[in-house]
C-alpha atoms as a PDB file:
ATOM      1  CA  MET A   1      -0.069  -0.038   0.119  1.00  0.00           C
ATOM      2  CA  ASN A   2       1.121   3.620  -0.955  1.00  0.00           C
ATOM      3  CA  ASP A   3      -1.268   5.455   0.960  1.00  0.00           C
ATOM      4  CA  GLY A   4       0.632   5.474   4.371  1.00  0.00           C
ATOM      5  CA  SER A   5      -1.232   3.046   5.987  1.00  0.00           C
ATOM      6  CA  CYS A   6       0.286  -0.030   7.248  1.00  0.00           C
ATOM      7  CA  VAL A   7      -1.326  -4.018   7.629  1.00  0.00           C
ATOM      8  CA  ARG A   8      -0.814  -5.689  10.544  1.00  0.00           C
ATOM      9  CA  LEU A   9       0.793  -9.320  10.425  1.00  0.00           C
ATOM     10  CA  ARG A  10      -1.214 -11.999  12.278  1.00  0.00           C
ATOM     11  CA  PRO A  11       1.450 -13.986  13.569  1.00  0.00           C
ATOM     12  CA  GLU A  12       1.180 -17.709  12.659  1.00  0.00           C
ATOM     13  CA  HIS A  13       3.875 -18.873  14.897  1.00  0.00           C
ATOM     14  CA  PRO A  14       6.627 -17.855  17.477  1.00  0.00           C
ATOM     15  CA  ASN A  15       9.365 -15.294  16.201  1.00  0.00           C
ATOM     16  CA  HIS A  16       6.871 -14.473  13.140  1.00  0.00           C
ATOM     17  CA  VAL A  17       5.746 -11.248  14.247  1.00  0.00           C
ATOM     18  CA  TRP A  18       7.328  -9.078  16.648  1.00  0.00           C
ATOM     19  CA  SER A  19       6.444  -5.483  18.401  1.00  0.00           C
ATOM     20  CA  TYR A  20       7.715  -2.883  20.394  1.00  0.00           C
ATOM     21  CA  ASP A  21       6.081  -0.725  22.706  1.00  0.00           C
ATOM     22  CA  PHE A  22       7.100   1.660  25.805  1.00  0.00           C
ATOM     23  CA  VAL A  23       5.380   1.290  29.094  1.00  0.00           C
ATOM     24  CA  GLU A  24       4.783   4.044  31.526  1.00  0.00           C
ATOM     25  CA  GLY A  25       4.384   3.567  35.209  1.00  0.00           C
ATOM     26  CA  ARG A  26       5.826   5.698  38.664  1.00  0.00           C
ATOM     27  CA  THR A  27       8.427   4.978  41.122  1.00  0.00           C
ATOM     28  CA  HIS A  28       7.976   4.615  44.514  1.00  0.00           C
ATOM     29  CA  ASN A  29       8.534   8.366  45.075  1.00  0.00           C
ATOM     30  CA  GLY A  30       5.937   9.173  42.360  1.00  0.00           C
ATOM     31  CA  ARG A  31       8.702   9.877  39.419  1.00  0.00           C
ATOM     32  CA  LYS A  32       7.492   8.779  35.994  1.00  0.00           C
ATOM     33  CA  PHE A  33       9.355   5.890  34.157  1.00  0.00           C
ATOM     34  CA  ARG A  34       9.037   4.238  30.366  1.00  0.00           C
ATOM     35  CA  MET A  35      10.331   0.586  29.702  1.00  0.00           C
ATOM     36  CA  LEU A  36      10.730  -0.990  26.056  1.00  0.00           C
ATOM     37  CA  ASN A  37       8.819  -4.065  25.815  1.00  0.00           C
ATOM     38  CA  ILE A  38       9.614  -6.341  22.954  1.00  0.00           C
ATOM     39  CA  ILE A  39       7.088  -9.051  22.390  1.00  0.00           C
ATOM     40  CA  ASP A  40       6.616 -12.030  20.270  1.00  0.00           C
ATOM     41  CA  GLU A  41       3.049 -11.369  19.120  1.00  0.00           C
ATOM     42  CA  PHE A  42       2.313 -15.252  19.040  1.00  0.00           C
ATOM     43  CA  THR A  43       3.540 -16.265  22.395  1.00  0.00           C
ATOM     44  CA  ARG A  44       2.927 -12.919  23.968  1.00  0.00           C
ATOM     45  CA  ALA A  45       6.455 -13.564  25.779  1.00  0.00           C
ATOM     46  CA  CYS A  46       8.326 -10.203  25.997  1.00  0.00           C
ATOM     47  CA  LEU A  47      11.828 -11.514  25.700  1.00  0.00           C
ATOM     48  CA  PRO A  48      10.886 -15.567  24.449  1.00  0.00           C
ATOM     49  CA  GLY A  49      12.986 -17.868  26.278  1.00  0.00           C
ATOM     50  CA  PHE A  50      13.502 -15.349  29.257  1.00  0.00           C
ATOM     51  CA  VAL A  51      10.722 -13.496  30.290  1.00  0.00           C
ATOM     52  CA  LEU A  52       6.768 -14.983  30.218  1.00  0.00           C
ATOM     53  CA  ASP A  53       5.151 -12.568  31.845  1.00  0.00           C
ATOM     54  CA  THR A  54       5.084  -8.881  33.078  1.00  0.00           C
ATOM     55  CA  ARG A  55       2.603  -6.340  35.183  1.00  0.00           C
ATOM     56  CA  LEU A  56       2.910  -3.164  36.523  1.00  0.00           C
ATOM     57  CA  GLU A  57       2.040  -2.183  39.918  1.00  0.00           C
ATOM     58  CA  PRO A  58       2.132   1.158  41.545  1.00  0.00           C
ATOM     59  CA  GLY A  59       6.154   2.003  41.850  1.00  0.00           C
ATOM     60  CA  ALA A  60       7.343  -1.937  40.424  1.00  0.00           C
ATOM     61  CA  ARG A  61       6.886  -4.205  37.956  1.00  0.00           C
ATOM     62  CA  VAL A  62       6.415  -7.728  38.561  1.00  0.00           C
ATOM     63  CA  VAL A  63       8.292 -10.137  36.210  1.00  0.00           C
ATOM     64  CA  THR A  64       8.060 -14.278  35.751  1.00  0.00           C
ATOM     65  CA  PHE A  65      11.212 -15.656  34.229  1.00  0.00           C
ATOM     66  CA  PHE A  66      11.467 -18.564  32.160  1.00  0.00           C
ATOM     67  CA  ASN A  67      12.428 -21.145  35.205  1.00  0.00           C
ATOM     68  CA  GLY A  68       9.107 -19.871  37.001  1.00  0.00           C
ATOM     69  CA  VAL A  69      11.210 -17.133  39.281  1.00  0.00           C
ATOM     70  CA  THR A  70       8.788 -14.413  39.786  1.00  0.00           C
ATOM     71  CA  ALA A  71      10.548 -11.074  41.149  1.00  0.00           C
ATOM     72  CA  ARG A  72       8.683  -7.381  42.138  1.00  0.00           C
ATOM     73  CA  GLU A  73      11.246  -5.268  40.465  1.00  0.00           C
ATOM     74  CA  ILE A  74      11.686  -1.505  42.172  1.00  0.00           C
ATOM     75  CA  ILE A  75      12.624   1.176  39.581  1.00  0.00           C
ATOM     76  CA  VAL A  76      15.316   3.107  41.624  1.00  0.00           C
ATOM     77  CA  THR A  77      16.559   5.486  38.901  1.00  0.00           C
ATOM     78  CA  LEU A  78      15.744   6.211  35.215  1.00  0.00           C
ATOM     79  CA  ASP A  79      18.331   8.397  33.715  1.00  0.00           C
ATOM     80  CA  GLU A  80      17.078   8.683  29.935  1.00  0.00           C
ATOM     81  CA  GLU A  81      19.910  10.996  28.994  1.00  0.00           C
ATOM     82  CA  ARG A  82      22.499   8.485  30.443  1.00  0.00           C
ATOM     83  CA  ARG A  83      20.241   5.570  29.025  1.00  0.00           C
ATOM     84  CA  ARG A  84      20.569   4.102  32.381  1.00  0.00           C
ATOM     85  CA  LEU A  85      17.843   2.104  34.533  1.00  0.00           C
ATOM     86  CA  VAL A  86      18.538   0.895  38.266  1.00  0.00           C
ATOM     87  CA  TRP A  87      16.204  -1.383  39.988  1.00  0.00           C
ATOM     88  CA  GLY A  88      16.176  -3.470  42.919  1.00  0.00           C
ATOM     89  CA  ALA A  89      14.178  -6.546  43.350  1.00  0.00           C
ATOM     90  CA  GLU A  90      12.358  -8.343  45.872  1.00  0.00           C
ATOM     91  CA  SER A  91      12.320 -12.369  45.874  1.00  0.00           C
ATOM     92  CA  PRO A  92      11.696 -15.015  47.942  1.00  0.00           C
ATOM     93  CA  PHE A  93      15.446 -16.497  47.670  1.00  0.00           C
ATOM     94  CA  LEU A  94      17.091 -12.934  47.757  1.00  0.00           C
ATOM     95  CA  LYS A  95      17.870 -10.738  50.616  1.00  0.00           C
ATOM     96  CA  HIS A  96      18.844  -7.735  48.784  1.00  0.00           C
ATOM     97  CA  TYR A  97      19.338  -7.460  44.837  1.00  0.00           C
ATOM     98  CA  ASN A  98      20.339  -4.209  42.776  1.00  0.00           C
ATOM     99  CA  GLY A  99      20.596  -4.293  39.180  1.00  0.00           C
ATOM    100  CA  SER A 100      21.360  -1.683  36.848  1.00  0.00           C
ATOM    101  CA  ALA A 101      21.564  -1.919  32.634  1.00  0.00           C
ATOM    102  CA  GLN A 102      23.137   1.126  30.796  1.00  0.00           C
ATOM    103  CA  VAL A 103      23.385   1.305  26.763  1.00  0.00           C
ATOM    104  CA  PHE A 104      26.507   2.822  25.298  1.00  0.00           C
ATOM    105  CA  GLU A 105      26.903   3.076  21.386  1.00  0.00           C
ATOM    106  CA  ARG A 106      30.556   1.958  20.619  1.00  0.00           C
ATOM    107  CA  GLY A 107      31.780   1.889  16.847  1.00  0.00           C
ATOM    108  CA  GLY A 108      28.513   2.117  15.557  1.00  0.00           C
ATOM    109  CA  LEU A 109      27.471  -0.904  17.584  1.00  0.00           C
ATOM    110  CA  THR A 110      24.915  -0.953  20.688  1.00  0.00           C
ATOM    111  CA  CYS A 111      26.404  -2.541  23.903  1.00  0.00           C
ATOM    112  CA  VAL A 112      24.297  -3.030  27.168  1.00  0.00           C
ATOM    113  CA  VAL A 113      25.933  -3.040  30.231  1.00  0.00           C
ATOM    114  CA  TRP A 114      23.674  -5.129  33.028  1.00  0.00           C
ATOM    115  CA  THR A 115      25.287  -5.593  36.603  1.00  0.00           C
ATOM    116  CA  ALA A 116      23.803  -7.271  39.724  1.00  0.00           C
ATOM    117  CA  ASP A 117      24.626  -7.198  43.013  1.00  0.00           C
ATOM    118  CA  PHE A 118      22.881  -9.577  45.663  1.00  0.00           C
ATOM    119  CA  LEU A 119      22.537 -11.592  48.505  1.00  0.00           C
ATOM    120  CA  PRO A 120      23.221 -14.507  49.828  1.00  0.00           C
ATOM    121  CA  ASP A 121      26.328 -15.428  47.763  1.00  0.00           C
ATOM    122  CA  GLU A 122      24.786 -18.750  47.210  1.00  0.00           C
ATOM    123  CA  ALA A 123      22.059 -17.264  44.833  1.00  0.00           C
ATOM    124  CA  ALA A 124      24.686 -16.730  42.235  1.00  0.00           C
ATOM    125  CA  ALA A 125      23.379 -20.367  41.120  1.00  0.00           C
ATOM    126  CA  THR A 126      20.308 -18.887  39.940  1.00  0.00           C
ATOM    127  CA  VAL A 127      21.044 -15.114  39.271  1.00  0.00           C
ATOM    128  CA  GLY A 128      24.099 -16.181  36.958  1.00  0.00           C
ATOM    129  CA  PRO A 129      22.070 -18.373  34.539  1.00  0.00           C
ATOM    130  CA  LEU A 130      19.178 -16.053  34.673  1.00  0.00           C
ATOM    131  CA  MET A 131      21.696 -12.949  33.916  1.00  0.00           C
ATOM    132  CA  GLU A 132      23.251 -15.151  30.900  1.00  0.00           C
ATOM    133  CA  ALA A 133      19.678 -16.201  29.320  1.00  0.00           C
ATOM    134  CA  GLY A 134      18.794 -12.725  29.563  1.00  0.00           C
ATOM    135  CA  ALA A 135      21.737 -11.431  27.718  1.00  0.00           C
ATOM    136  CA  LYS A 136      21.193 -13.889  25.213  1.00  0.00           C
ATOM    137  CA  ALA A 137      17.256 -13.117  24.629  1.00  0.00           C
ATOM    138  CA  MET A 138      18.108  -9.149  24.639  1.00  0.00           C
ATOM    139  CA  LYS A 139      20.704  -9.665  21.798  1.00  0.00           C
ATOM    140  CA  VAL A 140      18.445 -12.092  19.775  1.00  0.00           C
ATOM    141  CA  ALA A 141      15.239  -9.888  20.108  1.00  0.00           C
ATOM    142  CA  LEU A 142      17.293  -6.382  19.378  1.00  0.00           C
ATOM    143  CA  ASN A 143      18.682  -8.155  16.532  1.00  0.00           C
ATOM    144  CA  ARG A 144      15.693  -9.201  15.086  1.00  0.00           C
ATOM    145  CA  LEU A 145      14.162  -5.205  15.533  1.00  0.00           C
ATOM    146  CA  VAL A 146      17.636  -4.065  13.529  1.00  0.00           C
ATOM    147  CA  GLU A 147      16.811  -6.410  10.745  1.00  0.00           C
ATOM    148  CA  LYS A 148      13.181  -5.552  10.258  1.00  0.00           C
ATOM    149  CA  ALA A 149      14.160  -1.895  10.108  1.00  0.00           C
END
């Protein structure tokens, strides 16, 4: 069509149709934030193979991961100018969790730096594989967006 309209594809299988959108919410102190959600339209998974479900609550986002772990993420800082997000997480198996993600441009490439500090140390057996799976899923999803652009 050359009339400026678009046709929305109906997904027929996983990884067929992807969409992305920003979701807005508020932090615990009332500050507004926006999150980018990348969604497989067939499975409705945010990052297929990693995040199965998300929902917003006042001041937090509740996330269910591929392994069944659910965490309530509290937005601590959102710095759009520096492209940096910091969050804390509440989960039955963690006494403390603080994560951050920052996006940098390097040599024409987009780099995401994701760090996490948590207690107890034994939680590394769960958190480490979650972060590895998350990094892989982000790379796949972002590469698909680039391919379609």
